[in-house]
């Protein structure tokens, strides 16, 4: 990463377009607290990162609400798909007669179903 920052700085300096521009390299992390200066670059995490890119010291908290809403939607979708897949697999399992009459797994049939050589 440091070599990439140094290379980018050389390219920007030799391009001639912004010779007097201030160049600051930042390793940004969406969460955490590991904020340090490394000479070549700065590492901003969590609140400091979100404030650096937005100017808003509270953005890191404001992002939570839409993320929480999106996560809930995805969770609900996942549960629906999981239930559908589970029901389909149980149905296929029963259709292949891999359960005994008492509902327990017929292990011999299951092993044959999954592993027996096909002629």
Foldseek 3Di string as FASTA:
>chain_A
DLVVLVVVVVCVCVVPPCVPDDDAAEAEECADDPWDDDPSHTYDHHQRRVCVVPVDSCVSVVVVVVVVVVVVVVVVVVVVVVVVVVVVVVVVCVVQVQADPVGHGNVVSVCCVVPPDDD
